Amino acid sequence: MEHSARHEKGFHFWQQWLFYTSLVFALFGVVLALFGNNPVFRPYHRMLAMIFFDQEAIPESMHKLYTFVMGPMGANIAGFYLLLAYIARYPFKRKERWARSAIIVAFGTWFIIDAIVSFYYGVLFQVLVLHLLVSVPQKALPLIFTWKKFEN
């Protein structure tokens, strides 16, 4: 009985982790969409400016386009993570297998396509930081540690 309670506690931790970190990332998407050109994102902007323009800042002629792109990108991040939060909060919590599968398919698709594009354009920071330091702890670990709970 104690062993089962400990396993349920572990599942609850990872389900809550997935839910709350998804809300944080959704908020990040909103901030990126509405305030993408702020000092917090300056290192990312600088990195992209160096890769694509070989200079410290996005050229003035590209600035309007670049800040516009932050809007739809942030909106997509917000929507995607709100959907993940909903899945984590309800069907994942009920251990519905489709919820686990949906997370794997959706984020696996994003992971692969984003990594290919990032490698192609030489934006290795995107792959190393966003993929490995964000996606693995935020999505992969909850799936790994709760995997067997979906077998029954």
Protein backbone atom coordinates (compact mmCIF):
# COMPACT_ATOMS: atom_id res chain seq x y z
CA MET A 1 0.00 0.00 0.00
CA GLU A 2 2.79 2.42 0.93
CA HIS A 3 4.63 1.58 -2.32
CA SER A 4 1.51 2.43 -4.38
CA ALA A 5 0.96 5.70 -2.53
CA ARG A 6 4.55 6.73 -3.22
CA HIS A 7 4.09 5.97 -6.93
CA GLU A 8 0.89 8.01 -7.03
CA LYS A 9 2.67 10.88 -5.30
CA GLY A 10 5.40 10.69 -7.95
CA PHE A 11 2.81 10.74 -10.72
CA HIS A 12 1.06 13.70 -9.13
CA PHE A 13 4.36 15.61 -8.91
CA TRP A 14 5.12 15.11 -12.62
CA GLN A 15 1.55 15.88 -13.68
CA GLN A 16 1.65 19.12 -11.70
CA TRP A 17 5.12 19.89 -13.05
CA LEU A 18 3.85 19.52 -16.60
CA PHE A 19 0.78 21.65 -15.87
CA TYR A 20 2.50 24.55 -14.12
CA THR A 21 5.57 24.71 -16.35
CA SER A 22 3.21 24.79 -19.33
CA LEU A 23 1.48 27.82 -17.82
CA VAL A 24 4.87 29.50 -17.37
CA PHE A 25 5.79 28.85 -21.00
CA ALA A 26 2.38 30.10 -22.14
CA LEU A 27 3.03 33.32 -20.24
CA PHE A 28 6.45 33.50 -21.88
CA GLY A 29 4.70 33.26 -25.27
CA VAL A 30 2.41 36.16 -24.39
CA VAL A 31 5.38 38.29 -23.29
CA LEU A 32 7.27 37.40 -26.46
CA ALA A 33 4.27 38.27 -28.64
CA LEU A 34 3.50 41.60 -26.98
CA PHE A 35 6.92 42.70 -25.75
CA GLY A 36 9.37 40.65 -27.83
CA ASN A 37 11.74 43.54 -28.26
CA ASN A 38 12.75 43.99 -24.63
CA PRO A 39 16.07 43.74 -22.75
CA VAL A 40 15.34 40.22 -21.49
CA PHE A 41 15.45 38.88 -25.05
CA ARG A 42 18.44 41.03 -26.07
CA PRO A 43 20.99 38.14 -25.92
CA TYR A 44 18.80 36.06 -28.26
CA HIS A 45 18.35 39.01 -30.63
CA ARG A 46 22.09 39.67 -30.60
CA MET A 47 22.86 36.03 -31.33
CA LEU A 48 20.50 36.01 -34.32
CA ALA A 49 21.90 39.33 -35.57
CA MET A 50 25.41 37.88 -35.48
CA ILE A 51 24.40 34.69 -37.30
CA PHE A 52 22.27 36.30 -40.02
CA PHE A 53 23.71 39.81 -40.38
CA ASP A 54 27.22 39.55 -38.89
CA GLN A 55 26.54 42.49 -36.59
CA GLU A 56 25.52 43.15 -32.97
CA ALA A 57 21.89 44.15 -33.66
CA ILE A 58 19.13 43.41 -36.13
CA PRO A 59 19.51 45.98 -38.94
CA GLU A 60 17.08 48.87 -38.75
CA SER A 61 15.63 47.92 -42.14
CA MET A 62 14.69 44.48 -40.73
CA HIS A 63 13.63 45.63 -37.27
CA LYS A 64 9.92 46.06 -38.03
CA LEU A 65 9.68 42.65 -39.69
CA TYR A 66 11.62 40.99 -36.89
CA THR A 67 9.44 42.46 -34.14
CA PHE A 68 6.34 41.47 -36.12
CA VAL A 69 7.56 37.86 -36.35
CA MET A 70 7.90 37.82 -32.55
CA GLY A 71 4.12 38.40 -32.35
CA PRO A 72 2.86 35.32 -34.21
CA MET A 73 5.69 33.21 -32.80
CA GLY A 74 4.80 34.20 -29.23
CA ALA A 75 1.10 33.69 -29.92
CA ASN A 76 1.81 30.16 -31.19
CA ILE A 77 3.94 29.40 -28.14
CA ALA A 78 1.18 30.67 -25.84
CA GLY A 79 -1.53 28.67 -27.58
CA PHE A 80 0.54 25.52 -27.78
CA TYR A 81 1.44 25.61 -24.10
CA LEU A 82 -2.10 26.47 -22.98
CA LEU A 83 -3.24 23.38 -24.84
CA LEU A 84 -0.51 21.36 -23.12
CA ALA A 85 -1.56 22.78 -19.75
CA TYR A 86 -5.15 21.73 -20.41
CA ILE A 87 -4.06 18.23 -21.45
CA ALA A 88 -1.84 17.95 -18.35
CA ARG A 89 -4.59 19.23 -16.06
CA TYR A 90 -7.38 16.88 -17.19
CA PRO A 91 -6.78 13.86 -19.49
CA PHE A 92 -3.12 13.37 -18.52
CA LYS A 93 -4.11 13.51 -14.84
CA ARG A 94 -6.75 10.83 -15.56
CA LYS A 95 -3.97 8.79 -17.22
CA GLU A 96 -5.67 8.72 -20.60
CA ARG A 97 -3.17 7.24 -23.04
CA TRP A 98 -4.17 9.55 -25.87
CA ALA A 99 -3.00 12.53 -23.78
CA ARG A 100 0.49 11.09 -23.43
CA SER A 101 0.54 10.20 -27.13
CA ALA A 102 -0.63 13.67 -28.14
CA ILE A 103 2.19 15.29 -26.17
CA ILE A 104 4.75 12.98 -27.76
CA VAL A 105 3.51 13.51 -31.31
CA ALA A 106 3.04 17.28 -31.06
CA PHE A 107 6.28 18.09 -29.31
CA GLY A 108 8.23 15.41 -31.15
CA THR A 109 7.16 17.01 -34.44
CA TRP A 110 8.15 20.46 -33.21
CA PHE A 111 11.44 19.18 -31.80
CA ILE A 112 12.52 17.49 -35.04
CA ILE A 113 11.46 20.26 -37.43
CA ASP A 114 12.84 23.06 -35.25
CA ALA A 115 16.13 21.21 -34.78
CA ILE A 116 16.53 20.61 -38.52
CA VAL A 117 15.85 24.26 -39.37
CA SER A 118 18.06 25.50 -36.54
CA PHE A 119 20.97 23.26 -37.56
CA TYR A 120 20.54 24.24 -41.21
CA TYR A 121 20.81 27.94 -40.39
CA GLY A 122 23.51 27.46 -37.77
CA VAL A 123 21.39 28.57 -34.83
CA LEU A 124 22.87 25.98 -32.51
CA PHE A 125 21.91 27.96 -29.41
CA GLN A 126 18.28 27.25 -30.31
CA VAL A 127 18.89 23.51 -30.33
CA LEU A 128 21.16 23.35 -27.31
CA VAL A 129 19.23 25.66 -25.01
CA LEU A 130 15.62 25.46 -26.12
CA HIS A 131 15.62 21.79 -26.97
CA LEU A 132 17.90 20.25 -24.44
CA LEU A 133 17.59 22.56 -21.45
CA VAL A 134 13.92 23.40 -21.83
CA SER A 135 12.15 20.55 -23.62
CA VAL A 136 13.82 17.65 -21.89
CA PRO A 137 13.10 18.76 -18.30
CA GLN A 138 9.73 20.29 -19.14
CA LYS A 139 8.19 17.54 -21.28
CA ALA A 140 10.42 14.48 -21.55
CA LEU A 141 11.02 13.90 -17.83
CA PRO A 142 7.31 13.92 -16.90
CA LEU A 143 6.61 11.46 -19.72
CA ILE A 144 9.49 9.19 -18.74
CA PHE A 145 8.63 9.13 -15.04
CA THR A 146 4.91 8.58 -15.57
CA TRP A 147 5.10 6.20 -18.54
CA LYS A 148 4.07 3.05 -16.69
CA LYS A 149 1.03 4.74 -15.13
CA PHE A 150 -0.58 4.79 -18.59
CA GLU A 151 -0.13 1.06 -19.14
CA ASN A 152 -3.11 -0.01 -17.07
